Structures are given as C-alpha cells and as structure tokens.
Amino acid sequence: MAKKKINYGKKDLLGPDEFDPKTAKERITIWLDEEILDIFRERAKAEGTKYQSLVNQALREAARKPSLVERIERLEKKLSNG
C-alpha cells in the first residue's frame, strides 16, 4: 500500500489545495492504559511500523463499525420484512 502524504498542522494554515481531510492529522493528548500501549508498541515493533499508526487504524475500524443500536435496527428491519 502506498504511503499517503500526511499534513500536520491546522487546516486554516494550509492552502486550499493542500488540505485533504483523509490525510490530515491533529495532535491530541489522550490517556491510555499502559497495557494497551504495550500491546500496540509490541505489535508495531513486530510489523516495523509506528504504534500511533496502529492505534489510529484500530480507532478508525472501531468507528466505522455499526453501533449496537444500528445493528439492532437492521436486524429488526430484516425480521419484519422476512
């Protein structure tokens, strides 16, 4: 997979053609359990990547999963049509 160019910084400081929300990153402070960080650090070391990238990927995957409410609504719709 080709690496995407990452634009660090605030979007209002970038030119109109420079900002791509798909590759933009924002620095935040977050508190994570040490056990979780250790897991991601070990995985990153084994895969030869950065642990922050793996955390970002895991969060992206979790955010794209349908919520429990959405899954129940889909199931109810499926059952009512069947």
C-alpha atoms as a PDB file:
ATOM      1  CA  MET A   1       0.000   0.000   0.000  1.00  0.00           C
ATOM      2  CA  ALA A   2       1.389   3.392  -0.994  1.00  0.00           C
ATOM      3  CA  LYS A   3       2.077   5.793   1.817  1.00  0.00           C
ATOM      4  CA  LYS A   4      -0.114   8.871   1.907  1.00  0.00           C
ATOM      5  CA  LYS A   5       1.377  12.294   2.470  1.00  0.00           C
ATOM      6  CA  ILE A   6       0.407  13.464   5.936  1.00  0.00           C
ATOM      7  CA  ASN A   7      -0.307  17.150   6.506  1.00  0.00           C
ATOM      8  CA  TYR A   8       0.414  18.121  10.073  1.00  0.00           C
ATOM      9  CA  GLY A   9      -0.962  21.347  11.429  1.00  0.00           C
ATOM     10  CA  LYS A  10      -4.109  23.367  11.496  1.00  0.00           C
ATOM     11  CA  LYS A  11      -6.198  23.313   8.346  1.00  0.00           C
ATOM     12  CA  ASP A  12      -6.627  27.095   8.372  1.00  0.00           C
ATOM     13  CA  LEU A  13      -2.855  27.495   7.926  1.00  0.00           C
ATOM     14  CA  LEU A  14      -2.758  25.322   4.801  1.00  0.00           C
ATOM     15  CA  GLY A  15      -3.508  26.472   1.292  1.00  0.00           C
ATOM     16  CA  PRO A  16      -6.822  25.479  -0.332  1.00  0.00           C
ATOM     17  CA  ASP A  17      -5.202  22.716  -2.399  1.00  0.00           C
ATOM     18  CA  GLU A  18      -3.064  21.429   0.471  1.00  0.00           C
ATOM     19  CA  PHE A  19      -5.776  20.295   2.879  1.00  0.00           C
ATOM     20  CA  ASP A  20      -7.028  16.751   2.431  1.00  0.00           C
ATOM     21  CA  PRO A  21      -9.150  15.555   5.366  1.00  0.00           C
ATOM     22  CA  LYS A  22      -8.264  11.949   4.549  1.00  0.00           C
ATOM     23  CA  THR A  23      -4.593  12.543   5.348  1.00  0.00           C
ATOM     24  CA  ALA A  24      -4.765  15.403   7.847  1.00  0.00           C
ATOM     25  CA  LYS A  25      -3.662  14.639  11.385  1.00  0.00           C
ATOM     26  CA  GLU A  26      -4.384  16.543  14.567  1.00  0.00           C
ATOM     27  CA  ARG A  27      -2.223  16.358  17.660  1.00  0.00           C
ATOM     28  CA  ILE A  28      -4.192  15.489  20.799  1.00  0.00           C
ATOM     29  CA  THR A  29      -3.480  14.321  24.313  1.00  0.00           C
ATOM     30  CA  ILE A  30      -5.113  11.074  25.334  1.00  0.00           C
ATOM     31  CA  TRP A  31      -4.667   8.845  28.348  1.00  0.00           C
ATOM     32  CA  LEU A  32      -4.466   5.128  27.538  1.00  0.00           C
ATOM     33  CA  ASP A  33      -3.873   2.141  29.781  1.00  0.00           C
ATOM     34  CA  GLU A  34      -0.225   1.117  29.871  1.00  0.00           C
ATOM     35  CA  GLU A  35      -1.253  -2.435  28.951  1.00  0.00           C
ATOM     36  CA  ILE A  36      -2.931  -1.176  25.768  1.00  0.00           C
ATOM     37  CA  LEU A  37       0.104   0.887  24.805  1.00  0.00           C
ATOM     38  CA  ASP A  38       2.393  -2.086  25.403  1.00  0.00           C
ATOM     39  CA  ILE A  39       0.258  -4.234  23.101  1.00  0.00           C
ATOM     40  CA  PHE A  40       0.374  -1.654  20.316  1.00  0.00           C
ATOM     41  CA  ARG A  41       4.100  -0.989  20.817  1.00  0.00           C
ATOM     42  CA  GLU A  42       4.908  -4.702  20.595  1.00  0.00           C
ATOM     43  CA  ARG A  43       2.733  -5.122  17.510  1.00  0.00           C
ATOM     44  CA  ALA A  44       4.304  -2.053  15.894  1.00  0.00           C
ATOM     45  CA  LYS A  45       7.800  -3.365  16.570  1.00  0.00           C
ATOM     46  CA  ALA A  46       6.907  -6.737  15.034  1.00  0.00           C
ATOM     47  CA  GLU A  47       5.342  -5.070  11.977  1.00  0.00           C
ATOM     48  CA  GLY A  48       8.036  -2.413  11.589  1.00  0.00           C
ATOM     49  CA  THR A  49       5.639   0.495  11.928  1.00  0.00           C
ATOM     50  CA  LYS A  50       4.714   3.164  14.472  1.00  0.00           C
ATOM     51  CA  TYR A  51       2.383   2.321  17.326  1.00  0.00           C
ATOM     52  CA  GLN A  52       0.458   5.574  16.833  1.00  0.00           C
ATOM     53  CA  SER A  53      -0.445   4.438  13.310  1.00  0.00           C
ATOM     54  CA  LEU A  54      -1.761   1.140  14.666  1.00  0.00           C
ATOM     55  CA  VAL A  55      -3.825   2.924  17.338  1.00  0.00           C
ATOM     56  CA  ASN A  56      -5.226   5.233  14.646  1.00  0.00           C
ATOM     57  CA  GLN A  57      -6.079   2.246  12.441  1.00  0.00           C
ATOM     58  CA  ALA A  58      -7.810   0.427  15.311  1.00  0.00           C
ATOM     59  CA  LEU A  59      -9.836   3.528  16.175  1.00  0.00           C
ATOM     60  CA  ARG A  60     -10.797   4.010  12.515  1.00  0.00           C
ATOM     61  CA  GLU A  61     -12.008   0.404  12.261  1.00  0.00           C
ATOM     62  CA  ALA A  62     -13.956   0.672  15.514  1.00  0.00           C
ATOM     63  CA  ALA A  63     -15.540   3.969  14.459  1.00  0.00           C
ATOM     64  CA  ARG A  64     -16.704   2.508  11.130  1.00  0.00           C
ATOM     65  CA  LYS A  65     -18.421  -0.469  12.743  1.00  0.00           C
ATOM     66  CA  PRO A  66     -22.158  -0.033  13.111  1.00  0.00           C
ATOM     67  CA  SER A  67     -23.279   0.774  16.633  1.00  0.00           C
ATOM     68  CA  LEU A  68     -25.324  -1.694  18.652  1.00  0.00           C
ATOM     69  CA  VAL A  69     -28.440   0.411  18.004  1.00  0.00           C
ATOM     70  CA  GLU A  70     -27.789   0.379  14.237  1.00  0.00           C
ATOM     71  CA  ARG A  71     -27.261  -3.389  14.276  1.00  0.00           C
ATOM     72  CA  ILE A  72     -30.497  -3.967  16.211  1.00  0.00           C
ATOM     73  CA  GLU A  73     -32.431  -1.675  13.853  1.00  0.00           C
ATOM     74  CA  ARG A  74     -31.061  -3.582  10.840  1.00  0.00           C
ATOM     75  CA  LEU A  75     -31.975  -6.900  12.424  1.00  0.00           C
ATOM     76  CA  GLU A  76     -35.484  -5.694  13.287  1.00  0.00           C
ATOM     77  CA  LYS A  77     -35.968  -4.421   9.723  1.00  0.00           C
ATOM     78  CA  LYS A  78     -34.716  -7.715   8.314  1.00  0.00           C
ATOM     79  CA  LEU A  79     -37.047  -9.724  10.578  1.00  0.00           C
ATOM     80  CA  SER A  80     -40.070  -7.561   9.794  1.00  0.00           C
ATOM     81  CA  ASN A  81     -39.501  -7.925   6.037  1.00  0.00           C
ATOM     82  CA  GLY A  82     -38.920 -11.665   6.251  1.00  0.00           C
END
